[in-house]
PDB file of N, CA and C in Angstrom:
ATOM      1  N   MET A   1      78.848  75.249 108.241  1.00  0.00           N
ATOM      2  CA  MET A   1      78.697  76.121 107.097  1.00  0.00           C
ATOM      3  C   MET A   1      79.975  76.955 106.947  1.00  0.00           C
ATOM      4  N   HIS A   2      80.386  77.200 105.729  1.00  0.00           N
ATOM      5  CA  HIS A   2      81.616  77.950 105.480  1.00  0.00           C
ATOM      6  C   HIS A   2      81.299  79.279 104.804  1.00  0.00           C
ATOM      7  N   ASP A   3      82.226  80.204 104.953  1.00  0.00           N
ATOM      8  CA  ASP A   3      82.099  81.482 104.255  1.00  0.00           C
ATOM      9  C   ASP A   3      82.640  81.318 102.850  1.00  0.00           C
ATOM     10  N   PRO A   4      81.879  81.752 101.836  1.00  0.00           N
ATOM     11  CA  PRO A   4      82.372  81.655 100.462  1.00  0.00           C
ATOM     12  C   PRO A   4      83.639  82.483 100.281  1.00  0.00           C
ATOM     13  N   VAL A   5      84.531  81.976  99.465  1.00  0.00           N
ATOM     14  CA  VAL A   5      85.781  82.660  99.176  1.00  0.00           C
ATOM     15  C   VAL A   5      85.876  82.876  97.669  1.00  0.00           C
ATOM     16  N   LEU A   6      86.236  84.086  97.298  1.00  0.00           N
ATOM     17  CA  LEU A   6      86.467  84.413  95.898  1.00  0.00           C
ATOM     18  C   LEU A   6      87.797  85.136  95.805  1.00  0.00           C
ATOM     19  N   THR A   7      88.636  84.663  94.907  1.00  0.00           N
ATOM     20  CA  THR A   7      89.902  85.323  94.637  1.00  0.00           C
ATOM     21  C   THR A   7      89.808  85.964  93.264  1.00  0.00           C
ATOM     22  N   VAL A   8      90.104  87.251  93.186  1.00  0.00           N
ATOM     23  CA  VAL A   8      90.079  87.950  91.901  1.00  0.00           C
ATOM     24  C   VAL A   8      91.412  88.653  91.695  1.00  0.00           C
ATOM     25  N   THR A   9      91.904  88.575  90.458  1.00  0.00           N
ATOM     26  CA  THR A   9      93.143  89.263  90.096  1.00  0.00           C
ATOM     27  C   THR A   9      92.973  89.859  88.708  1.00  0.00           C
ATOM     28  N   ALA A  10      93.800  90.838  88.423  1.00  0.00           N
ATOM     29  CA  ALA A  10      93.813  91.443  87.090  1.00  0.00           C
ATOM     30  C   ALA A  10      95.247  91.756  86.716  1.00  0.00           C
ATOM     31  N   GLY A  11      95.514  91.626  85.424  1.00  0.00           N
ATOM     32  CA  GLY A  11      96.836  91.946  84.907  1.00  0.00           C
ATOM     33  C   GLY A  11      96.786  91.926  83.402  1.00  0.00           C
ATOM     34  N   ALA A  12      97.869  92.326  82.793  1.00  0.00           N
ATOM     35  CA  ALA A  12      97.943  92.345  81.330  1.00  0.00           C
ATOM     36  C   ALA A  12      98.377  90.978  80.832  1.00  0.00           C
ATOM     37  N   HIS A  13      97.668  90.460  79.856  1.00  0.00           N
ATOM     38  CA  HIS A  13      98.087  89.236  79.167  1.00  0.00           C
ATOM     39  C   HIS A  13      99.203  89.643  78.208  1.00  0.00           C
ATOM     40  N   PRO A  14     100.209  88.791  77.995  1.00  0.00           N
ATOM     41  CA  PRO A  14     101.313  89.153  77.093  1.00  0.00           C
ATOM     42  C   PRO A  14     100.859  89.581  75.688  1.00  0.00           C
ATOM     43  N   ALA A  15      99.697  89.094  75.236  1.00  0.00           N
ATOM     44  CA  ALA A  15      99.209  89.452  73.904  1.00  0.00           C
ATOM     45  C   ALA A  15      98.466  90.787  73.886  1.00  0.00           C
ATOM     46  N   GLY A  16      98.258  91.397  75.056  1.00  0.00           N
ATOM     47  CA  GLY A  16      97.653  92.723  75.079  1.00  0.00           C
ATOM     48  C   GLY A  16      96.416  92.912  75.919  1.00  0.00           C
ATOM     49  N   PRO A  17      95.432  91.997  75.878  1.00  0.00           N
ATOM     50  CA  PRO A  17      94.212  92.255  76.647  1.00  0.00           C
ATOM     51  C   PRO A  17      94.451  92.220  78.152  1.00  0.00           C
ATOM     52  N   THR A  18      93.568  92.855  78.869  1.00  0.00           N
ATOM     53  CA  THR A  18      93.564  92.729  80.322  1.00  0.00           C
ATOM     54  C   THR A  18      92.953  91.377  80.661  1.00  0.00           C
ATOM     55  N   LEU A  19      93.577  90.659  81.578  1.00  0.00           N
ATOM     56  CA  LEU A  19      93.085  89.360  82.007  1.00  0.00           C
ATOM     57  C   LEU A  19      92.618  89.467  83.451  1.00  0.00           C
ATOM     58  N   ILE A  20      91.324  89.241  83.646  1.00  0.00           N
ATOM     59  CA  ILE A  20      90.741  89.191  84.986  1.00  0.00           C
ATOM     60  C   ILE A  20      90.477  87.727  85.305  1.00  0.00           C
ATOM     61  N   THR A  21      90.915  87.284  86.466  1.00  0.00           N
ATOM     62  CA  THR A  21      90.704  85.903  86.873  1.00  0.00           C
ATOM     63  C   THR A  21      89.858  85.884  88.135  1.00  0.00           C
ATOM     64  N   ALA A  22      88.822  85.054  88.116  1.00  0.00           N
ATOM     65  CA  ALA A  22      87.961  84.870  89.290  1.00  0.00           C
ATOM     66  C   ALA A  22      87.943  83.384  89.628  1.00  0.00           C
ATOM     67  N   ALA A  23      88.248  83.064  90.874  1.00  0.00           N
ATOM     68  CA  ALA A  23      88.263  81.664  91.308  1.00  0.00           C
ATOM     69  C   ALA A  23      87.583  81.553  92.668  1.00  0.00           C
ATOM     70  N   GLY A  24      86.781  80.524  92.811  1.00  0.00           N
ATOM     71  CA  GLY A  24      86.070  80.305  94.064  1.00  0.00           C
ATOM     72  C   GLY A  24      84.573  80.414  93.846  1.00  0.00           C
ATOM     73  N   GLU A  25      83.906  81.068  94.776  1.00  0.00           N
ATOM     74  CA  GLU A  25      82.457  81.185  94.739  1.00  0.00           C
ATOM     75  C   GLU A  25      82.053  82.646  94.523  1.00  0.00           C
ATOM     76  N   LEU A  26      81.351  82.876  93.434  1.00  0.00           N
ATOM     77  CA  LEU A  26      80.887  84.220  93.080  1.00  0.00           C
ATOM     78  C   LEU A  26      79.409  84.302  93.440  1.00  0.00           C
ATOM     79  N   ASP A  27      79.141  84.950  94.565  1.00  0.00           N
ATOM     80  CA  ASP A  27      77.759  85.061  95.019  1.00  0.00           C
ATOM     81  C   ASP A  27      77.544  86.398  95.722  1.00  0.00           C
ATOM     82  N   TYR A  28      76.403  86.531  96.351  1.00  0.00           N
ATOM     83  CA  TYR A  28      76.033  87.797  96.988  1.00  0.00           C
ATOM     84  C   TYR A  28      77.105  88.306  97.943  1.00  0.00           C
ATOM     85  N   SER A  29      77.710  87.397  98.701  1.00  0.00           N
ATOM     86  CA  SER A  29      78.675  87.835  99.711  1.00  0.00           C
ATOM     87  C   SER A  29      80.074  88.112  99.157  1.00  0.00           C
ATOM     88  N   THR A  30      80.356  87.692  97.921  1.00  0.00           N
ATOM     89  CA  THR A  30      81.702  87.897  97.363  1.00  0.00           C
ATOM     90  C   THR A  30      81.722  88.758  96.096  1.00  0.00           C
ATOM     91  N   ALA A  31      80.572  89.026  95.526  1.00  0.00           N
ATOM     92  CA  ALA A  31      80.502  89.708  94.227  1.00  0.00           C
ATOM     93  C   ALA A  31      81.115  91.100  94.232  1.00  0.00           C
ATOM     94  N   ALA A  32      81.101  91.767  95.373  1.00  0.00           N
ATOM     95  CA  ALA A  32      81.640  93.126  95.438  1.00  0.00           C
ATOM     96  C   ALA A  32      83.111  93.164  95.034  1.00  0.00           C
ATOM     97  N   ASP A  33      83.866  92.113  95.356  1.00  0.00           N
ATOM     98  CA  ASP A  33      85.291  92.078  95.000  1.00  0.00           C
ATOM     99  C   ASP A  33      85.477  92.117  93.484  1.00  0.00           C
ATOM    100  N   LEU A  34      84.710  91.281  92.778  1.00  0.00           N
ATOM    101  CA  LEU A  34      84.818  91.265  91.319  1.00  0.00           C
ATOM    102  C   LEU A  34      84.222  92.536  90.724  1.00  0.00           C
ATOM    103  N   ARG A  35      83.125  93.009  91.274  1.00  0.00           N
ATOM    104  CA  ARG A  35      82.494  94.241  90.782  1.00  0.00           C
ATOM    105  C   ARG A  35      83.474  95.418  90.864  1.00  0.00           C
ATOM    106  N   GLU A  36      84.190  95.516  91.978  1.00  0.00           N
ATOM    107  CA  GLU A  36      85.159  96.599  92.163  1.00  0.00           C
ATOM    108  C   GLU A  36      86.318  96.479  91.175  1.00  0.00           C
ATOM    109  N   LEU A  37      86.824  95.266  91.000  1.00  0.00           N
ATOM    110  CA  LEU A  37      87.932  95.054  90.070  1.00  0.00           C
ATOM    111  C   LEU A  37      87.517  95.389  88.637  1.00  0.00           C
ATOM    112  N   ILE A  38      86.336  94.973  88.243  1.00  0.00           N
ATOM    113  CA  ILE A  38      85.837  95.285  86.899  1.00  0.00           C
ATOM    114  C   ILE A  38      85.651  96.786  86.747  1.00  0.00           C
ATOM    115  N   GLY A  39      85.153  97.438  87.786  1.00  0.00           N
ATOM    116  CA  GLY A  39      84.972  98.892  87.744  1.00  0.00           C
ATOM    117  C   GLY A  39      86.278  99.651  87.595  1.00  0.00           C
ATOM    118  N   ASP A  40      87.366  99.064  88.101  1.00  0.00           N
ATOM    119  CA  ASP A  40      88.687  99.699  88.008  1.00  0.00           C
ATOM    120  C   ASP A  40      89.443  99.317  86.734  1.00  0.00           C
ATOM    121  N   THR A  41      88.881  98.422  85.947  1.00  0.00           N
ATOM    122  CA  THR A  41      89.555  97.924  84.748  1.00  0.00           C
ATOM    123  C   THR A  41      89.343  98.863  83.569  1.00  0.00           C
ATOM    124  N   PRO A  42      90.425  99.253  82.893  1.00  0.00           N
ATOM    125  CA  PRO A  42      90.251 100.059  81.682  1.00  0.00           C
ATOM    126  C   PRO A  42      89.799  99.161  80.521  1.00  0.00           C
ATOM    127  N   PHE A  43      88.686  99.498  79.947  1.00  0.00           N
ATOM    128  CA  PHE A  43      88.183  98.765  78.784  1.00  0.00           C
ATOM    129  C   PHE A  43      88.720  99.474  77.548  1.00  0.00           C
ATOM    130  N   THR A  44      89.780  98.898  76.970  1.00  0.00           N
ATOM    131  CA  THR A  44      90.492  99.502  75.851  1.00  0.00           C
ATOM    132  C   THR A  44      90.285  98.650  74.601  1.00  0.00           C
ATOM    133  N   PRO A  45      90.728  99.126  73.448  1.00  0.00           N
ATOM    134  CA  PRO A  45      90.612  98.324  72.226  1.00  0.00           C
ATOM    135  C   PRO A  45      91.328  96.969  72.292  1.00  0.00           C
ATOM    136  N   ALA A  46      92.305  96.830  73.206  1.00  0.00           N
ATOM    137  CA  ALA A  46      92.994  95.539  73.365  1.00  0.00           C
ATOM    138  C   ALA A  46      92.066  94.479  73.954  1.00  0.00           C
ATOM    139  N   GLY A  47      91.023  94.912  74.644  1.00  0.00           N
ATOM    140  CA  GLY A  47      90.019  93.999  75.162  1.00  0.00           C
ATOM    141  C   GLY A  47      90.264  93.504  76.566  1.00  0.00           C
ATOM    142  N   VAL A  48      89.272  92.765  77.054  1.00  0.00           N
ATOM    143  CA  VAL A  48      89.300  92.181  78.395  1.00  0.00           C
ATOM    144  C   VAL A  48      88.838  90.733  78.292  1.00  0.00           C
ATOM    145  N   VAL A  49      89.580  89.848  78.949  1.00  0.00           N
ATOM    146  CA  VAL A  49      89.192  88.448  79.071  1.00  0.00           C
ATOM    147  C   VAL A  49      88.943  88.184  80.550  1.00  0.00           C
ATOM    148  N   ILE A  50      87.796  87.598  80.856  1.00  0.00           N
ATOM    149  CA  ILE A  50      87.501  87.194  82.228  1.00  0.00           C
ATOM    150  C   ILE A  50      87.610  85.674  82.284  1.00  0.00           C
ATOM    151  N   ASP A  51      88.587  85.204  83.048  1.00  0.00           N
ATOM    152  CA  ASP A  51      88.841  83.769  83.178  1.00  0.00           C
ATOM    153  C   ASP A  51      88.041  83.217  84.353  1.00  0.00           C
ATOM    154  N   LEU A  52      87.089  82.350  84.044  1.00  0.00           N
ATOM    155  CA  LEU A  52      86.218  81.751  85.052  1.00  0.00           C
ATOM    156  C   LEU A  52      86.546  80.277  85.279  1.00  0.00           C
ATOM    157  N   THR A  53      87.702  79.841  84.831  1.00  0.00           N
ATOM    158  CA  THR A  53      88.093  78.434  84.935  1.00  0.00           C
ATOM    159  C   THR A  53      88.010  77.937  86.378  1.00  0.00           C
ATOM    160  N   GLY A  54      88.414  78.745  87.325  1.00  0.00           N
ATOM    161  CA  GLY A  54      88.430  78.335  88.732  1.00  0.00           C
ATOM    162  C   GLY A  54      87.160  78.655  89.491  1.00  0.00           C
ATOM    163  N   LEU A  55      86.123  79.089  88.786  1.00  0.00           N
ATOM    164  CA  LEU A  55      84.872  79.433  89.455  1.00  0.00           C
ATOM    165  C   LEU A  55      84.120  78.152  89.812  1.00  0.00           C
ATOM    166  N   LEU A  56      83.780  78.006  91.075  1.00  0.00           N
ATOM    167  CA  LEU A  56      83.088  76.813  91.559  1.00  0.00           C
ATOM    168  C   LEU A  56      81.581  77.005  91.622  1.00  0.00           C
ATOM    169  N   TYR A  57      81.160  78.251  91.781  1.00  0.00           N
ATOM    170  CA  TYR A  57      79.736  78.544  91.962  1.00  0.00           C
ATOM    171  C   TYR A  57      79.490  79.982  91.536  1.00  0.00           C
ATOM    172  N   CYS A  58      78.320  80.226  90.967  1.00  0.00           N
ATOM    173  CA  CYS A  58      77.941  81.583  90.582  1.00  0.00           C
ATOM    174  C   CYS A  58      76.425  81.707  90.730  1.00  0.00           C
ATOM    175  N   ASP A  59      75.975  82.689  91.519  1.00  0.00           N
ATOM    176  CA  ASP A  59      74.542  82.915  91.649  1.00  0.00           C
ATOM    177  C   ASP A  59      74.135  84.126  90.807  1.00  0.00           C
ATOM    178  N   SER A  60      72.909  84.561  90.958  1.00  0.00           N
ATOM    179  CA  SER A  60      72.399  85.660  90.132  1.00  0.00           C
ATOM    180  C   SER A  60      73.153  86.965  90.360  1.00  0.00           C
ATOM    181  N   THR A  61      73.681  87.164  91.551  1.00  0.00           N
ATOM    182  CA  THR A  61      74.475  88.372  91.812  1.00  0.00           C
ATOM    183  C   THR A  61      75.744  88.351  90.969  1.00  0.00           C
ATOM    184  N   GLY A  62      76.371  87.194  90.877  1.00  0.00           N
ATOM    185  CA  GLY A  62      77.564  87.048  90.043  1.00  0.00           C
ATOM    186  C   GLY A  62      77.262  87.263  88.580  1.00  0.00           C
ATOM    187  N   ILE A  63      76.130  86.744  88.127  1.00  0.00           N
ATOM    188  CA  ILE A  63      75.712  86.953  86.740  1.00  0.00           C
ATOM    189  C   ILE A  63      75.546  88.442  86.469  1.00  0.00           C
ATOM    190  N   THR A  64      74.966  89.149  87.423  1.00  0.00           N
ATOM    191  CA  THR A  64      74.771  90.591  87.273  1.00  0.00           C
ATOM    192  C   THR A  64      76.109  91.315  87.129  1.00  0.00           C
ATOM    193  N   VAL A  65      77.121  90.898  87.874  1.00  0.00           N
ATOM    194  CA  VAL A  65      78.455  91.498  87.772  1.00  0.00           C
ATOM    195  C   VAL A  65      79.027  91.259  86.375  1.00  0.00           C
ATOM    196  N   LEU A  66      78.861  90.060  85.855  1.00  0.00           N
ATOM    197  CA  LEU A  66      79.368  89.764  84.511  1.00  0.00           C
ATOM    198  C   LEU A  66      78.626  90.559  83.444  1.00  0.00           C
ATOM    199  N   VAL A  67      77.332  90.733  83.608  1.00  0.00           N
ATOM    200  CA  VAL A  67      76.555  91.548  82.662  1.00  0.00           C
ATOM    201  C   VAL A  67      77.007  93.005  82.741  1.00  0.00           C
ATOM    202  N   THR A  68      77.339  93.481  83.926  1.00  0.00           N
ATOM    203  CA  THR A  68      77.873  94.837  84.081  1.00  0.00           C
ATOM    204  C   THR A  68      79.176  94.981  83.305  1.00  0.00           C
ATOM    205  N   ALA A  69      80.031  93.963  83.356  1.00  0.00           N
ATOM    206  CA  ALA A  69      81.282  93.996  82.583  1.00  0.00           C
ATOM    207  C   ALA A  69      80.975  94.090  81.102  1.00  0.00           C
ATOM    208  N   TYR A  70      79.991  93.333  80.658  1.00  0.00           N
ATOM    209  CA  TYR A  70      79.579  93.382  79.249  1.00  0.00           C
ATOM    210  C   TYR A  70      79.130  94.801  78.881  1.00  0.00           C
ATOM    211  N   GLN A  71      78.342  95.415  79.732  1.00  0.00           N
ATOM    212  CA  GLN A  71      77.837  96.769  79.455  1.00  0.00           C
ATOM    213  C   GLN A  71      78.974  97.787  79.421  1.00  0.00           C
ATOM    214  N   LEU A  72      79.924  97.669  80.329  1.00  0.00           N
ATOM    215  CA  LEU A  72      81.081  98.576  80.323  1.00  0.00           C
ATOM    216  C   LEU A  72      81.905  98.404  79.054  1.00  0.00           C
ATOM    217  N   ALA A  73      82.140  97.156  78.660  1.00  0.00           N
ATOM    218  CA  ALA A  73      82.909  96.889  77.443  1.00  0.00           C
ATOM    219  C   ALA A  73      82.186  97.440  76.227  1.00  0.00           C
ATOM    220  N   ARG A  74      80.907  97.223  76.167  1.00  0.00           N
ATOM    221  CA  ARG A  74      80.126  97.701  75.021  1.00  0.00           C
ATOM    222  C   ARG A  74      80.148  99.225  74.944  1.00  0.00           C
ATOM    223  N   SER A  75      79.992  99.882  76.088  1.00  0.00           N
ATOM    224  CA  SER A  75      80.027 101.349  76.124  1.00  0.00           C
ATOM    225  C   SER A  75      81.377 101.894  75.663  1.00  0.00           C
ATOM    226  N   ALA A  76      82.447 101.163  75.993  1.00  0.00           N
ATOM    227  CA  ALA A  76      83.795 101.604  75.633  1.00  0.00           C
ATOM    228  C   ALA A  76      84.199 101.141  74.235  1.00  0.00           C
ATOM    229  N   GLY A  77      83.385 100.309  73.593  1.00  0.00           N
ATOM    230  CA  GLY A  77      83.748  99.762  72.290  1.00  0.00           C
ATOM    231  C   GLY A  77      84.889  98.774  72.378  1.00  0.00           C
ATOM    232  N   ALA A  78      85.016  98.115  73.522  1.00  0.00           N
ATOM    233  CA  ALA A  78      86.114  97.180  73.752  1.00  0.00           C
ATOM    234  C   ALA A  78      85.613  95.742  73.674  1.00  0.00           C
ATOM    235  N   PRO A  79      86.411  94.851  73.089  1.00  0.00           N
ATOM    236  CA  PRO A  79      86.006  93.447  73.090  1.00  0.00           C
ATOM    237  C   PRO A  79      86.072  92.857  74.493  1.00  0.00           C
ATOM    238  N   LEU A  80      85.152  91.942  74.769  1.00  0.00           N
ATOM    239  CA  LEU A  80      85.117  91.231  76.038  1.00  0.00           C
ATOM    240  C   LEU A  80      84.860  89.763  75.744  1.00  0.00           C
ATOM    241  N   ALA A  81      85.608  88.895  76.383  1.00  0.00           N
ATOM    242  CA  ALA A  81      85.407  87.458  76.215  1.00  0.00           C
ATOM    243  C   ALA A  81      85.515  86.779  77.572  1.00  0.00           C
ATOM    244  N   LEU A  82      84.771  85.697  77.706  1.00  0.00           N
ATOM    245  CA  LEU A  82      84.860  84.860  78.893  1.00  0.00           C
ATOM    246  C   LEU A  82      85.618  83.598  78.529  1.00  0.00           C
ATOM    247  N   ALA A  83      86.369  83.075  79.482  1.00  0.00           N
ATOM    248  CA  ALA A  83      87.099  81.830  79.275  1.00  0.00           C
ATOM    249  C   ALA A  83      86.800  80.880  80.423  1.00  0.00           C
ATOM    250  N   GLY A  84      86.755  79.596  80.101  1.00  0.00           N
ATOM    251  CA  GLY A  84      86.637  78.585  81.136  1.00  0.00           C
ATOM    252  C   GLY A  84      85.264  78.417  81.748  1.00  0.00           C
ATOM    253  N   VAL A  85      84.224  78.775  81.030  1.00  0.00           N
ATOM    254  CA  VAL A  85      82.865  78.552  81.537  1.00  0.00           C
ATOM    255  C   VAL A  85      82.576  77.063  81.401  1.00  0.00           C
ATOM    256  N   SER A  86      82.365  76.397  82.535  1.00  0.00           N
ATOM    257  CA  SER A  86      82.149  74.958  82.462  1.00  0.00           C
ATOM    258  C   SER A  86      81.182  74.488  83.541  1.00  0.00           C
ATOM    259  N   GLY A  87      80.813  73.234  83.458  1.00  0.00           N
ATOM    260  CA  GLY A  87      79.988  72.599  84.472  1.00  0.00           C
ATOM    261  C   GLY A  87      78.654  73.278  84.686  1.00  0.00           C
ATOM    262  N   SER A  88      78.337  73.498  85.945  1.00  0.00           N
ATOM    263  CA  SER A  88      77.039  74.075  86.292  1.00  0.00           C
ATOM    264  C   SER A  88      76.902  75.501  85.763  1.00  0.00           C
ATOM    265  N   LEU A  89      78.025  76.188  85.603  1.00  0.00           N
ATOM    266  CA  LEU A  89      77.967  77.550  85.084  1.00  0.00           C
ATOM    267  C   LEU A  89      77.492  77.563  83.627  1.00  0.00           C
ATOM    268  N   GLU A  90      77.887  76.563  82.858  1.00  0.00           N
ATOM    269  CA  GLU A  90      77.390  76.447  81.477  1.00  0.00           C
ATOM    270  C   GLU A  90      75.869  76.363  81.463  1.00  0.00           C
ATOM    271  N   ARG A  91      75.334  75.587  82.377  1.00  0.00           N
ATOM    272  CA  ARG A  91      73.883  75.411  82.457  1.00  0.00           C
ATOM    273  C   ARG A  91      73.200  76.741  82.795  1.00  0.00           C
ATOM    274  N   VAL A  92      73.740  77.446  83.779  1.00  0.00           N
ATOM    275  CA  VAL A  92      73.182  78.747  84.167  1.00  0.00           C
ATOM    276  C   VAL A  92      73.234  79.716  82.988  1.00  0.00           C
ATOM    277  N   PHE A  93      74.362  79.756  82.287  1.00  0.00           N
ATOM    278  CA  PHE A  93      74.495  80.638  81.132  1.00  0.00           C
ATOM    279  C   PHE A  93      73.475  80.290  80.054  1.00  0.00           C
ATOM    280  N   GLY A  94      73.266  78.999  79.837  1.00  0.00           N
ATOM    281  CA  GLY A  94      72.292  78.573  78.842  1.00  0.00           C
ATOM    282  C   GLY A  94      70.880  78.979  79.209  1.00  0.00           C
ATOM    283  N   ILE A  95      70.499  78.754  80.463  1.00  0.00           N
ATOM    284  CA  ILE A  95      69.154  79.105  80.929  1.00  0.00           C
ATOM    285  C   ILE A  95      68.932  80.608  80.858  1.00  0.00           C
ATOM    286  N   ALA A  96      69.936  81.386  81.247  1.00  0.00           N
ATOM    287  CA  ALA A  96      69.804  82.847  81.286  1.00  0.00           C
ATOM    288  C   ALA A  96      69.998  83.498  79.913  1.00  0.00           C
ATOM    289  N   GLY A  97      70.372  82.713  78.902  1.00  0.00           N
ATOM    290  CA  GLY A  97      70.587  83.271  77.567  1.00  0.00           C
ATOM    291  C   GLY A  97      71.852  84.102  77.448  1.00  0.00           C
ATOM    292  N   LEU A  98      72.809  83.880  78.335  1.00  0.00           N
ATOM    293  CA  LEU A  98      74.020  84.705  78.335  1.00  0.00           C
ATOM    294  C   LEU A  98      74.969  84.395  77.192  1.00  0.00           C
ATOM    295  N   TYR A  99      74.847  83.218  76.603  1.00  0.00           N
ATOM    296  CA  TYR A  99      75.702  82.907  75.453  1.00  0.00           C
ATOM    297  C   TYR A  99      75.350  83.789  74.259  1.00  0.00           C
ATOM    298  N   GLU A 100      74.192  84.423  74.303  1.00  0.00           N
ATOM    299  CA  GLU A 100      73.798  85.321  73.221  1.00  0.00           C
ATOM    300  C   GLU A 100      74.539  86.657  73.298  1.00  0.00           C
ATOM    301  N   ILE A 101      75.000  87.038  74.494  1.00  0.00           N
ATOM    302  CA  ILE A 101      75.699  88.322  74.616  1.00  0.00           C
ATOM    303  C   ILE A 101      77.202  88.171  74.849  1.00  0.00           C
ATOM    304  N   PHE A 102      77.627  87.040  75.403  1.00  0.00           N
ATOM    305  CA  PHE A 102      79.041  86.845  75.700  1.00  0.00           C
ATOM    306  C   PHE A 102      79.720  85.957  74.670  1.00  0.00           C
ATOM    307  N   ALA A 103      80.917  86.363  74.265  1.00  0.00           N
ATOM    308  CA  ALA A 103      81.796  85.465  73.522  1.00  0.00           C
ATOM    309  C   ALA A 103      82.472  84.605  74.582  1.00  0.00           C
ATOM    310  N   SER A 104      82.366  83.304  74.446  1.00  0.00           N
ATOM    311  CA  SER A 104      82.894  82.400  75.463  1.00  0.00           C
ATOM    312  C   SER A 104      83.777  81.340  74.808  1.00  0.00           C
ATOM    313  N   TYR A 105      84.915  81.067  75.453  1.00  0.00           N
ATOM    314  CA  TYR A 105      85.897  80.135  74.918  1.00  0.00           C
ATOM    315  C   TYR A 105      86.354  79.177  76.015  1.00  0.00           C
ATOM    316  N   PRO A 106      86.767  77.973  75.639  1.00  0.00           N
ATOM    317  CA  PRO A 106      87.195  76.998  76.648  1.00  0.00           C
ATOM    318  C   PRO A 106      88.431  77.437  77.444  1.00  0.00           C
ATOM    319  N   THR A 107      89.349  78.159  76.798  1.00  0.00           N
ATOM    320  CA  THR A 107      90.588  78.544  77.480  1.00  0.00           C
ATOM    321  C   THR A 107      90.873  80.030  77.290  1.00  0.00           C
ATOM    322  N   VAL A 108      91.741  80.536  78.146  1.00  0.00           N
ATOM    323  CA  VAL A 108      92.169  81.934  78.036  1.00  0.00           C
ATOM    324  C   VAL A 108      92.866  82.163  76.709  1.00  0.00           C
ATOM    325  N   GLU A 109      93.728  81.244  76.313  1.00  0.00           N
ATOM    326  CA  GLU A 109      94.487  81.430  75.065  1.00  0.00           C
ATOM    327  C   GLU A 109      93.555  81.489  73.853  1.00  0.00           C
ATOM    328  N   GLN A 110      92.486  80.688  73.855  1.00  0.00           N
ATOM    329  CA  GLN A 110      91.533  80.750  72.749  1.00  0.00           C
ATOM    330  C   GLN A 110      90.778  82.069  72.774  1.00  0.00           C
ATOM    331  N   ALA A 111      90.429  82.560  73.945  1.00  0.00           N
ATOM    332  CA  ALA A 111      89.733  83.843  74.055  1.00  0.00           C
ATOM    333  C   ALA A 111      90.628  84.981  73.573  1.00  0.00           C
ATOM    334  N   VAL A 112      91.880  84.962  73.994  1.00  0.00           N
ATOM    335  CA  VAL A 112      92.830  85.999  73.570  1.00  0.00           C
ATOM    336  C   VAL A 112      93.041  85.923  72.059  1.00  0.00           C
ATOM    337  N   GLY A 113      93.181  84.716  71.542  1.00  0.00           N
ATOM    338  CA  GLY A 113      93.382  84.528  70.102  1.00  0.00           C
ATOM    339  C   GLY A 113      92.214  85.028  69.271  1.00  0.00           C
ATOM    340  N   ALA A 114      91.028  84.971  69.816  1.00  0.00           N
ATOM    341  CA  ALA A 114      89.831  85.421  69.094  1.00  0.00           C
ATOM    342  C   ALA A 114      89.724  86.944  69.040  1.00  0.00           C
ATOM    343  N   MET A 115      90.488  87.609  69.869  1.00  0.00           N
ATOM    344  CA  MET A 115      90.429  89.076  69.886  1.00  0.00           C
ATOM    345  C   MET A 115      91.292  89.625  68.781  1.00  0.00           C
TER     346      MET A 115
END
């Protein structure tokens, strides 16, 4: 058995929004890293894009972190978009009804362009 690994980074996209990238496994044992990064992110009118292209797995704890990001963005009046939701994560999003609250795009550039 292996320990799940999640890599999270944040930085400014050249077009203005903050770009948060999460890669690896987002679950109970790794969610705190993304939760902390999102908590430290300024939700400004330029918006935030969360790139999930490299996400291999996401459980309910990870979904909760993403919903928290949505709530922070909404409270701040800032746009929020997800990029790279694919595979099994698409299925989870569909079952949980998350496509109703999240703007989701195949790529980061499409998400940034939509802002």
